[in-house]
N, C-alpha and C. Protein backbone atom coordinates (compact mmCIF):
# COMPACT_ATOMS: atom_id res chain seq x y z
N MET A 1 52.82 12.14 40.69
CA MET A 1 53.56 13.05 41.48
C MET A 1 54.53 12.27 42.35
N VAL A 2 55.72 12.84 42.49
CA VAL A 2 56.76 12.17 43.25
C VAL A 2 56.92 12.90 44.58
N VAL A 3 56.79 12.18 45.65
CA VAL A 3 56.96 12.74 46.98
C VAL A 3 58.32 12.31 47.49
N MET A 4 59.07 13.31 47.90
CA MET A 4 60.41 13.00 48.40
C MET A 4 60.38 13.02 49.92
N THR A 5 60.96 12.04 50.48
CA THR A 5 61.06 12.01 51.93
C THR A 5 62.46 12.44 52.32
N PRO A 6 62.57 13.11 53.42
CA PRO A 6 63.91 13.55 53.82
C PRO A 6 64.78 12.34 54.11
N ARG A 7 65.99 12.47 53.65
CA ARG A 7 66.93 11.38 53.89
C ARG A 7 67.59 11.59 55.24
N ASP A 8 67.91 10.51 55.87
CA ASP A 8 68.63 10.57 57.13
C ASP A 8 70.11 10.73 56.80
N THR A 9 70.63 11.91 57.09
CA THR A 9 72.04 12.17 56.76
C THR A 9 72.95 11.80 57.91
N GLY A 10 72.39 11.52 59.05
CA GLY A 10 73.21 11.15 60.19
C GLY A 10 73.80 12.34 60.92
N THR A 11 73.35 13.53 60.58
CA THR A 11 73.92 14.72 61.22
C THR A 11 73.22 15.08 62.51
N GLU A 12 71.96 14.69 62.71
CA GLU A 12 71.25 15.05 63.93
C GLU A 12 71.96 14.54 65.18
N PRO A 13 72.39 13.30 65.25
CA PRO A 13 73.12 12.88 66.45
C PRO A 13 74.44 13.64 66.61
N GLY A 14 75.10 13.95 65.52
CA GLY A 14 76.35 14.71 65.59
C GLY A 14 76.11 16.12 66.12
N ILE A 15 75.01 16.74 65.67
CA ILE A 15 74.69 18.09 66.13
C ILE A 15 74.31 18.06 67.60
N ALA A 16 73.55 17.07 68.01
CA ALA A 16 73.16 16.95 69.43
C ALA A 16 74.39 16.75 70.29
N GLU A 17 75.31 15.94 69.82
CA GLU A 17 76.55 15.72 70.58
C GLU A 17 77.38 17.00 70.65
N LEU A 18 77.43 17.74 69.54
CA LEU A 18 78.16 19.00 69.52
C LEU A 18 77.54 20.01 70.49
N ILE A 19 76.23 20.10 70.50
CA ILE A 19 75.54 21.00 71.41
C ILE A 19 75.84 20.63 72.86
N LYS A 20 75.84 19.32 73.13
CA LYS A 20 76.14 18.85 74.49
C LYS A 20 77.57 19.24 74.89
N LYS A 21 78.52 19.07 73.96
CA LYS A 21 79.91 19.42 74.25
C LYS A 21 80.07 20.93 74.48
N VAL A 22 79.38 21.72 73.66
CA VAL A 22 79.44 23.17 73.81
C VAL A 22 78.87 23.59 75.16
N ASP A 23 77.72 23.00 75.52
CA ASP A 23 77.12 23.31 76.82
C ASP A 23 78.06 22.93 77.97
N GLU A 24 78.66 21.76 77.88
CA GLU A 24 79.61 21.33 78.92
C GLU A 24 80.81 22.28 78.97
N GLY A 25 81.26 22.72 77.79
CA GLY A 25 82.37 23.67 77.74
C GLY A 25 82.03 24.99 78.42
N PHE A 26 80.80 25.48 78.19
CA PHE A 26 80.38 26.71 78.84
C PHE A 26 80.27 26.54 80.35
N VAL A 27 79.77 25.40 80.79
CA VAL A 27 79.68 25.13 82.23
C VAL A 27 81.08 25.14 82.84
N GLU A 28 82.02 24.48 82.19
CA GLU A 28 83.41 24.44 82.68
C GLU A 28 84.04 25.83 82.65
N ALA A 29 83.79 26.57 81.58
CA ALA A 29 84.35 27.93 81.49
C ALA A 29 83.77 28.82 82.58
N ASN A 30 82.46 28.71 82.83
CA ASN A 30 81.84 29.50 83.90
C ASN A 30 82.42 29.14 85.26
N LYS A 31 82.66 27.84 85.48
CA LYS A 31 83.24 27.40 86.74
C LYS A 31 84.64 27.98 86.92
N LYS A 32 85.44 27.94 85.88
CA LYS A 32 86.80 28.49 85.95
C LYS A 32 86.76 30.00 86.15
N MET A 33 85.83 30.68 85.48
CA MET A 33 85.72 32.13 85.65
C MET A 33 85.31 32.48 87.07
N ASP A 34 84.35 31.73 87.63
CA ASP A 34 83.93 31.98 89.01
C ASP A 34 85.09 31.78 89.97
N GLU A 35 85.88 30.74 89.77
CA GLU A 35 87.05 30.50 90.62
C GLU A 35 88.06 31.65 90.48
N GLY A 36 88.27 32.09 89.25
CA GLY A 36 89.20 33.20 89.01
C GLY A 36 88.72 34.49 89.65
N PHE A 37 87.43 34.79 89.52
CA PHE A 37 86.88 36.00 90.14
C PHE A 37 86.98 35.94 91.65
N ALA A 38 86.72 34.75 92.22
CA ALA A 38 86.83 34.59 93.67
C ALA A 38 88.27 34.84 94.12
N ARG A 39 89.23 34.34 93.34
CA ARG A 39 90.64 34.54 93.68
C ARG A 39 91.02 36.01 93.58
N VAL A 40 90.54 36.69 92.54
CA VAL A 40 90.83 38.12 92.38
C VAL A 40 90.19 38.92 93.52
N ASP A 41 88.94 38.58 93.88
CA ASP A 41 88.28 39.27 95.00
C ASP A 41 89.08 39.09 96.29
N SER A 42 89.56 37.88 96.52
CA SER A 42 90.37 37.61 97.72
C SER A 42 91.66 38.43 97.69
N ASP A 43 92.30 38.47 96.52
CA ASP A 43 93.54 39.25 96.39
C ASP A 43 93.29 40.73 96.65
N ILE A 44 92.18 41.25 96.14
CA ILE A 44 91.86 42.66 96.33
C ILE A 44 91.60 42.95 97.80
N ARG A 45 90.87 42.05 98.48
CA ARG A 45 90.63 42.25 99.92
C ARG A 45 91.94 42.26 100.70
N GLU A 46 92.83 41.33 100.36
CA GLU A 46 94.13 41.28 101.04
C GLU A 46 94.94 42.54 100.77
N LEU A 47 94.90 43.01 99.54
CA LEU A 47 95.62 44.23 99.18
C LEU A 47 95.06 45.43 99.93
N ARG A 48 93.75 45.49 100.06
CA ARG A 48 93.13 46.59 100.81
C ARG A 48 93.55 46.56 102.28
N ARG A 49 93.58 45.34 102.87
CA ARG A 49 94.02 45.22 104.26
C ARG A 49 95.46 45.69 104.41
N ASP A 50 96.33 45.25 103.49
CA ASP A 50 97.74 45.65 103.56
C ASP A 50 97.89 47.16 103.38
N THR A 51 97.14 47.72 102.45
CA THR A 51 97.20 49.16 102.20
C THR A 51 96.73 49.94 103.42
N LYS A 52 95.62 49.50 104.02
CA LYS A 52 95.11 50.18 105.22
C LYS A 52 96.12 50.09 106.35
N ALA A 53 96.74 48.93 106.52
CA ALA A 53 97.75 48.79 107.58
C ALA A 53 98.92 49.74 107.33
N GLY A 54 99.33 49.86 106.07
CA GLY A 54 100.42 50.78 105.74
C GLY A 54 100.06 52.23 106.02
N PHE A 55 98.84 52.62 105.65
CA PHE A 55 98.41 53.99 105.91
C PHE A 55 98.26 54.25 107.41
N ASP A 56 97.83 53.23 108.16
CA ASP A 56 97.75 53.40 109.61
C ASP A 56 99.13 53.67 110.20
N LYS A 57 100.14 52.97 109.71
CA LYS A 57 101.51 53.20 110.18
C LYS A 57 101.98 54.61 109.84
N VAL A 58 101.67 55.05 108.62
CA VAL A 58 102.06 56.39 108.20
C VAL A 58 101.34 57.44 109.04
N ASP A 59 100.05 57.23 109.30
CA ASP A 59 99.30 58.17 110.14
C ASP A 59 99.91 58.27 111.53
N LYS A 60 100.27 57.14 112.11
CA LYS A 60 100.88 57.14 113.44
C LYS A 60 102.20 57.91 113.42
N ARG A 61 102.99 57.69 112.37
CA ARG A 61 104.27 58.39 112.25
C ARG A 61 104.06 59.90 112.13
N PHE A 62 103.07 60.32 111.34
CA PHE A 62 102.78 61.74 111.21
C PHE A 62 102.34 62.34 112.55
N GLU A 63 101.56 61.59 113.32
CA GLU A 63 101.15 62.08 114.63
C GLU A 63 102.36 62.28 115.54
N GLN A 64 103.32 61.34 115.49
CA GLN A 64 104.52 61.47 116.30
C GLN A 64 105.33 62.69 115.87
N LEU A 65 105.45 62.88 114.54
CA LEU A 65 106.19 64.05 114.05
C LEU A 65 105.47 65.34 114.43
N ASP A 66 104.16 65.32 114.36
CA ASP A 66 103.39 66.51 114.72
C ASP A 66 103.63 66.89 116.17
N GLU A 67 103.60 65.90 117.06
CA GLU A 67 103.87 66.18 118.48
C GLU A 67 105.29 66.70 118.67
N ARG A 68 106.23 66.10 117.98
CA ARG A 68 107.64 66.51 118.10
C ARG A 68 107.83 67.96 117.65
N TYR A 69 107.23 68.29 116.49
CA TYR A 69 107.38 69.66 115.99
C TYR A 69 106.61 70.66 116.85
N ASP A 70 105.50 70.24 117.44
CA ASP A 70 104.79 71.14 118.36
C ASP A 70 105.69 71.52 119.53
N ARG A 71 106.38 70.52 120.08
CA ARG A 71 107.30 70.81 121.19
C ARG A 71 108.42 71.74 120.75
N LYS A 72 108.96 71.51 119.55
CA LYS A 72 110.05 72.37 119.06
C LYS A 72 109.56 73.80 118.85
N PHE A 73 108.37 73.96 118.28
CA PHE A 73 107.85 75.31 118.07
C PHE A 73 107.53 75.99 119.39
N ASP A 74 107.08 75.22 120.37
CA ASP A 74 106.83 75.81 121.70
C ASP A 74 108.14 76.33 122.29
N ARG A 75 109.22 75.53 122.18
CA ARG A 75 110.51 75.99 122.70
C ARG A 75 111.00 77.20 121.94
N LEU A 76 110.85 77.20 120.61
CA LEU A 76 111.29 78.33 119.80
C LEU A 76 110.53 79.59 120.20
N THR A 77 109.22 79.47 120.38
CA THR A 77 108.41 80.62 120.79
C THR A 77 108.87 81.14 122.15
N PHE A 78 109.16 80.22 123.07
CA PHE A 78 109.64 80.63 124.40
C PHE A 78 110.95 81.40 124.28
N HIS A 79 111.89 80.89 123.48
CA HIS A 79 113.18 81.56 123.34
C HIS A 79 113.05 82.92 122.65
N LEU A 80 112.21 83.01 121.64
CA LEU A 80 112.00 84.29 120.97
C LEU A 80 111.36 85.31 121.92
N LEU A 81 110.40 84.86 122.69
CA LEU A 81 109.75 85.75 123.64
C LEU A 81 110.74 86.21 124.72
N THR A 82 111.55 85.28 125.21
CA THR A 82 112.58 85.63 126.21
C THR A 82 113.57 86.64 125.63
N GLY A 83 113.99 86.43 124.41
CA GLY A 83 114.91 87.36 123.75
C GLY A 83 114.29 88.73 123.56
N ALA A 84 113.01 88.76 123.17
CA ALA A 84 112.33 90.05 122.98
C ALA A 84 112.22 90.80 124.31
N ILE A 85 111.90 90.08 125.38
CA ILE A 85 111.81 90.73 126.70
C ILE A 85 113.18 91.27 127.13
N ALA A 86 114.24 90.50 126.88
CA ALA A 86 115.59 90.96 127.22
C ALA A 86 115.96 92.21 126.43
N MET A 87 115.63 92.24 125.14
CA MET A 87 115.96 93.41 124.32
C MET A 87 115.15 94.63 124.77
N ILE A 88 113.88 94.44 125.09
CA ILE A 88 113.06 95.56 125.56
C ILE A 88 113.59 96.08 126.89
N THR A 89 114.00 95.18 127.79
CA THR A 89 114.57 95.59 129.08
C THR A 89 115.86 96.37 128.86
N ALA A 90 116.70 95.88 127.96
CA ALA A 90 117.96 96.59 127.68
C ALA A 90 117.68 97.96 127.08
N LEU A 91 116.72 98.03 126.18
CA LEU A 91 116.37 99.31 125.57
C LEU A 91 115.83 100.29 126.62
N LEU A 92 115.01 99.80 127.53
CA LEU A 92 114.52 100.67 128.60
C LEU A 92 115.67 101.14 129.50
N GLY A 93 116.65 100.26 129.72
CA GLY A 93 117.82 100.65 130.50
C GLY A 93 118.62 101.74 129.82
N VAL A 94 118.78 101.62 128.50
CA VAL A 94 119.51 102.65 127.74
C VAL A 94 118.75 103.97 127.78
N ILE A 95 117.43 103.90 127.63
CA ILE A 95 116.63 105.13 127.67
C ILE A 95 116.72 105.77 129.06
N ALA A 96 116.65 104.95 130.10
CA ALA A 96 116.75 105.50 131.46
C ALA A 96 118.12 106.14 131.69
N THR A 97 119.17 105.50 131.18
CA THR A 97 120.51 106.07 131.32
C THR A 97 120.61 107.39 130.58
N LEU A 98 120.07 107.49 129.42
CA LEU A 98 120.08 108.75 128.64
C LEU A 98 119.30 109.85 129.38
N VAL A 99 118.16 109.47 129.92
CA VAL A 99 117.34 110.46 130.64
C VAL A 99 118.12 110.98 131.86
N VAL A 100 118.70 110.06 132.63
CA VAL A 100 119.46 110.47 133.81
C VAL A 100 120.65 111.33 133.40
N THR A 101 121.32 110.96 132.34
CA THR A 101 122.47 111.75 131.87
C THR A 101 122.01 113.12 131.45
N LEU A 102 120.92 113.22 130.76
CA LEU A 102 120.42 114.53 130.32
C LEU A 102 120.01 115.39 131.52
N ILE A 103 119.42 114.76 132.53
CA ILE A 103 119.02 115.52 133.71
C ILE A 103 120.26 116.08 134.41
N HIS A 104 121.35 115.31 134.52
CA HIS A 104 122.57 115.80 135.18
C HIS A 104 123.26 116.87 134.35
N VAL A 105 123.17 116.76 133.09
CA VAL A 105 123.85 117.74 132.25
C VAL A 105 123.10 119.06 132.26
N LEU A 106 121.84 119.05 132.32
CA LEU A 106 121.09 120.29 132.27
C LEU A 106 121.02 120.84 133.64
């Protein structure tokens, strides 16, 4: 009977070296990805701060406009009410004049 022993093909050291290179490549890729994610997180935080600051400015502007329009509507209401009172007074004057005229005529 012939027993065959495995031949040394020299591939085991090559495979071990390849595995080592692949592992090192993954470590480097993970490091680069972590740096990239940290940079993206920082950018997002900065963008959120800028966006919040912009909305705060817009909110302040809306509050100023709201106060301004409140004053304008208050003045408009005052003028409309004054006009209505003047018209009612004039109408009462006309009615009183008609009544007095009718009393003198009859």
